[in-house]
Amino acid sequence: MTQSNQDGPRFEEAVDQLEALIEKVESGEVGLEEAMQHYEAGQALIKRCRAILDAAERKIAELTDTEDGRLVVDDEEDGPES
């Protein structure tokens, strides 16, 4: 969570901001220049969301299911064979 705060909004906040930008542009209530600014901001929010999702995927990939059903972080490159 600390990493998210350092780099920008949390995932849910970024999605909410993106949805608000899309609504404004699609409603036609903004001119071309403002629409372009919203497009740029939207691209930055999409990049942020992808970075958060990529980090989550990497973290999930590190998890290993143990024999007793618990999930643990696997710090070893060549852990036990499945």
N, C-alpha and C. Protein backbone atom coordinates (compact mmCIF):
# COMPACT_ATOMS: atom_id res chain seq x y z
N MET A 1 0.82 -1.19 0.00
CA MET A 1 0.00 0.00 0.00
C MET A 1 0.86 1.25 0.00
N THR A 2 1.98 1.24 0.68
CA THR A 2 2.87 2.39 0.72
C THR A 2 3.38 2.72 -0.67
N GLN A 3 3.73 1.69 -1.44
CA GLN A 3 4.21 1.91 -2.79
C GLN A 3 3.15 2.61 -3.63
N SER A 4 1.89 2.23 -3.49
CA SER A 4 0.81 2.84 -4.23
C SER A 4 0.71 4.32 -3.92
N ASN A 5 0.84 4.68 -2.64
CA ASN A 5 0.72 6.07 -2.25
C ASN A 5 1.87 6.90 -2.77
N GLN A 6 3.05 6.33 -2.90
CA GLN A 6 4.22 7.06 -3.38
C GLN A 6 4.10 7.36 -4.87
N ASP A 7 3.59 6.46 -5.64
CA ASP A 7 3.55 6.59 -7.08
C ASP A 7 2.30 7.26 -7.62
N GLY A 8 1.26 7.35 -6.84
CA GLY A 8 0.01 7.91 -7.32
C GLY A 8 -1.17 7.33 -6.59
N PRO A 9 -2.35 7.48 -7.19
CA PRO A 9 -3.56 7.01 -6.52
C PRO A 9 -3.62 5.49 -6.44
N ARG A 10 -4.39 5.02 -5.47
CA ARG A 10 -4.64 3.58 -5.36
C ARG A 10 -5.42 3.14 -6.60
N PHE A 11 -5.45 1.84 -6.83
CA PHE A 11 -6.09 1.28 -8.02
C PHE A 11 -7.54 1.75 -8.14
N GLU A 12 -8.30 1.59 -7.07
CA GLU A 12 -9.72 1.94 -7.10
C GLU A 12 -9.92 3.42 -7.38
N GLU A 13 -9.07 4.26 -6.78
CA GLU A 13 -9.15 5.70 -7.00
C GLU A 13 -8.84 6.05 -8.46
N ALA A 14 -7.83 5.38 -9.01
CA ALA A 14 -7.45 5.63 -10.40
C ALA A 14 -8.57 5.23 -11.35
N VAL A 15 -9.22 4.10 -11.08
CA VAL A 15 -10.33 3.65 -11.91
C VAL A 15 -11.49 4.64 -11.83
N ASP A 16 -11.79 5.11 -10.61
CA ASP A 16 -12.87 6.09 -10.44
C ASP A 16 -12.56 7.38 -11.21
N GLN A 17 -11.33 7.84 -11.12
CA GLN A 17 -10.93 9.05 -11.85
C GLN A 17 -11.04 8.85 -13.35
N LEU A 18 -10.62 7.69 -13.82
CA LEU A 18 -10.69 7.37 -15.24
C LEU A 18 -12.14 7.34 -15.72
N GLU A 19 -13.01 6.71 -14.95
CA GLU A 19 -14.43 6.66 -15.31
C GLU A 19 -15.04 8.07 -15.38
N ALA A 20 -14.65 8.94 -14.45
CA ALA A 20 -15.15 10.31 -14.45
C ALA A 20 -14.69 11.06 -15.70
N LEU A 21 -13.43 10.86 -16.08
CA LEU A 21 -12.92 11.50 -17.30
C LEU A 21 -13.67 11.01 -18.53
N ILE A 22 -13.91 9.72 -18.60
CA ILE A 22 -14.62 9.15 -19.75
C ILE A 22 -16.03 9.72 -19.83
N GLU A 23 -16.70 9.82 -18.69
CA GLU A 23 -18.06 10.37 -18.68
C GLU A 23 -18.08 11.80 -19.21
N LYS A 24 -17.12 12.62 -18.77
CA LYS A 24 -17.07 14.02 -19.21
C LYS A 24 -16.87 14.11 -20.72
N VAL A 25 -15.92 13.32 -21.24
CA VAL A 25 -15.63 13.38 -22.68
C VAL A 25 -16.81 12.86 -23.49
N GLU A 26 -17.39 11.74 -23.05
CA GLU A 26 -18.50 11.15 -23.80
C GLU A 26 -19.76 12.00 -23.74
N SER A 27 -19.91 12.81 -22.70
CA SER A 27 -21.11 13.64 -22.58
C SER A 27 -21.10 14.81 -23.57
N GLY A 28 -19.92 15.13 -24.09
CA GLY A 28 -19.82 16.23 -25.03
C GLY A 28 -19.76 17.59 -24.36
N GLU A 29 -19.62 17.61 -23.03
CA GLU A 29 -19.61 18.88 -22.31
C GLU A 29 -18.24 19.56 -22.29
N VAL A 30 -17.26 18.96 -22.93
CA VAL A 30 -15.92 19.56 -22.98
C VAL A 30 -15.51 19.81 -24.43
N GLY A 31 -14.70 20.83 -24.62
CA GLY A 31 -14.19 21.14 -25.95
C GLY A 31 -13.02 20.24 -26.31
N LEU A 32 -12.52 20.44 -27.51
CA LEU A 32 -11.43 19.59 -28.02
C LEU A 32 -10.18 19.67 -27.15
N GLU A 33 -9.78 20.89 -26.78
CA GLU A 33 -8.56 21.04 -25.99
C GLU A 33 -8.68 20.33 -24.65
N GLU A 34 -9.84 20.53 -23.99
CA GLU A 34 -10.05 19.88 -22.70
C GLU A 34 -10.16 18.36 -22.87
N ALA A 35 -10.77 17.92 -23.95
CA ALA A 35 -10.87 16.49 -24.22
C ALA A 35 -9.48 15.88 -24.39
N MET A 36 -8.59 16.60 -25.04
CA MET A 36 -7.21 16.11 -25.22
C MET A 36 -6.49 16.03 -23.87
N GLN A 37 -6.73 17.02 -23.00
CA GLN A 37 -6.13 16.97 -21.66
C GLN A 37 -6.66 15.78 -20.87
N HIS A 38 -7.96 15.54 -21.00
CA HIS A 38 -8.56 14.38 -20.33
C HIS A 38 -8.00 13.08 -20.90
N TYR A 39 -7.77 13.05 -22.20
CA TYR A 39 -7.20 11.85 -22.83
C TYR A 39 -5.81 11.58 -22.25
N GLU A 40 -4.98 12.62 -22.15
CA GLU A 40 -3.64 12.45 -21.59
C GLU A 40 -3.70 11.98 -20.14
N ALA A 41 -4.59 12.59 -19.37
CA ALA A 41 -4.74 12.19 -17.96
C ALA A 41 -5.23 10.74 -17.88
N GLY A 42 -6.13 10.38 -18.77
CA GLY A 42 -6.64 9.00 -18.80
C GLY A 42 -5.54 8.01 -19.13
N GLN A 43 -4.68 8.36 -20.05
CA GLN A 43 -3.57 7.47 -20.39
C GLN A 43 -2.65 7.26 -19.20
N ALA A 44 -2.41 8.32 -18.43
CA ALA A 44 -1.57 8.21 -17.24
C ALA A 44 -2.25 7.31 -16.19
N LEU A 45 -3.56 7.45 -16.05
CA LEU A 45 -4.29 6.61 -15.09
C LEU A 45 -4.28 5.15 -15.52
N ILE A 46 -4.42 4.90 -16.82
CA ILE A 46 -4.35 3.52 -17.33
C ILE A 46 -2.97 2.92 -17.05
N LYS A 47 -1.93 3.71 -17.28
CA LYS A 47 -0.57 3.24 -17.02
C LYS A 47 -0.40 2.91 -15.53
N ARG A 48 -0.97 3.74 -14.67
CA ARG A 48 -0.91 3.52 -13.22
C ARG A 48 -1.62 2.21 -12.85
N CYS A 49 -2.82 2.01 -13.39
CA CYS A 49 -3.58 0.80 -13.10
C CYS A 49 -2.84 -0.44 -13.57
N ARG A 50 -2.25 -0.37 -14.75
CA ARG A 50 -1.48 -1.52 -15.26
C ARG A 50 -0.30 -1.84 -14.37
N ALA A 51 0.38 -0.80 -13.87
CA ALA A 51 1.53 -1.01 -12.99
C ALA A 51 1.10 -1.70 -11.70
N ILE A 52 -0.03 -1.27 -11.15
CA ILE A 52 -0.54 -1.88 -9.92
C ILE A 52 -0.91 -3.33 -10.18
N LEU A 53 -1.59 -3.60 -11.29
CA LEU A 53 -1.98 -4.97 -11.62
C LEU A 53 -0.76 -5.85 -11.87
N ASP A 54 0.25 -5.32 -12.56
CA ASP A 54 1.48 -6.08 -12.80
C ASP A 54 2.16 -6.44 -11.48
N ALA A 55 2.21 -5.48 -10.55
CA ALA A 55 2.82 -5.75 -9.24
C ALA A 55 2.03 -6.82 -8.49
N ALA A 56 0.71 -6.77 -8.58
CA ALA A 56 -0.12 -7.77 -7.92
C ALA A 56 0.11 -9.15 -8.54
N GLU A 57 0.22 -9.22 -9.85
CA GLU A 57 0.48 -10.50 -10.52
C GLU A 57 1.82 -11.07 -10.10
N ARG A 58 2.84 -10.22 -10.00
CA ARG A 58 4.16 -10.70 -9.57
C ARG A 58 4.09 -11.24 -8.14
N LYS A 59 3.36 -10.54 -7.28
CA LYS A 59 3.24 -10.98 -5.89
C LYS A 59 2.51 -12.32 -5.81
N ILE A 60 1.44 -12.46 -6.57
CA ILE A 60 0.68 -13.72 -6.59
C ILE A 60 1.56 -14.85 -7.10
N ALA A 61 2.39 -14.56 -8.10
CA ALA A 61 3.27 -15.59 -8.65
C ALA A 61 4.28 -16.07 -7.62
N GLU A 62 4.59 -15.23 -6.64
CA GLU A 62 5.54 -15.61 -5.59
C GLU A 62 4.89 -16.53 -4.55
N LEU A 63 3.58 -16.56 -4.51
CA LEU A 63 2.90 -17.38 -3.52
C LEU A 63 2.95 -18.85 -3.91
N THR A 64 3.17 -19.68 -2.95
CA THR A 64 3.22 -21.11 -3.18
C THR A 64 2.26 -21.79 -2.22
N ASP A 65 1.49 -22.71 -2.72
CA ASP A 65 0.55 -23.46 -1.90
C ASP A 65 1.32 -24.57 -1.16
N THR A 66 1.20 -24.61 0.16
CA THR A 66 1.90 -25.63 0.94
C THR A 66 1.03 -26.88 1.04
N GLU A 67 1.60 -27.96 1.55
CA GLU A 67 0.88 -29.22 1.68
C GLU A 67 -0.36 -29.10 2.55
N ASP A 68 -0.31 -28.23 3.55
CA ASP A 68 -1.46 -28.10 4.45
C ASP A 68 -2.45 -27.02 3.99
N GLY A 69 -2.27 -26.50 2.79
CA GLY A 69 -3.23 -25.57 2.21
C GLY A 69 -2.98 -24.10 2.49
N ARG A 70 -1.93 -23.80 3.25
CA ARG A 70 -1.62 -22.39 3.52
C ARG A 70 -0.86 -21.79 2.35
N LEU A 71 -0.99 -20.49 2.20
CA LEU A 71 -0.21 -19.78 1.19
C LEU A 71 0.96 -19.11 1.87
N VAL A 72 2.15 -19.27 1.30
CA VAL A 72 3.35 -18.63 1.83
C VAL A 72 4.10 -17.99 0.68
N VAL A 73 4.91 -16.99 0.99
CA VAL A 73 5.74 -16.36 -0.03
C VAL A 73 6.95 -17.25 -0.26
N ASP A 74 7.20 -17.58 -1.53
CA ASP A 74 8.32 -18.44 -1.89
C ASP A 74 9.48 -17.54 -2.28
N ASP A 75 10.48 -17.44 -1.39
CA ASP A 75 11.65 -16.60 -1.64
C ASP A 75 12.74 -17.34 -2.41
N GLU A 76 12.61 -18.64 -2.55
CA GLU A 76 13.64 -19.43 -3.21
C GLU A 76 13.34 -19.55 -4.70
N GLU A 77 14.37 -19.39 -5.53
CA GLU A 77 14.24 -19.50 -6.97
C GLU A 77 13.82 -20.92 -7.37
N ASP A 78 14.51 -21.91 -6.82
CA ASP A 78 14.23 -23.30 -7.18
C ASP A 78 13.66 -24.02 -5.97
N GLY A 79 12.40 -23.67 -5.67
CA GLY A 79 11.70 -24.26 -4.52
C GLY A 79 11.36 -25.71 -4.78
N PRO A 80 10.59 -26.31 -3.90
CA PRO A 80 10.22 -27.72 -4.03
C PRO A 80 9.41 -27.97 -5.30
N GLU A 81 9.67 -29.11 -5.90
CA GLU A 81 8.95 -29.45 -7.12
C GLU A 81 7.53 -29.85 -6.79
N SER A 82 6.60 -29.50 -7.68
CA SER A 82 5.18 -29.84 -7.46
C SER A 82 4.83 -31.15 -8.07
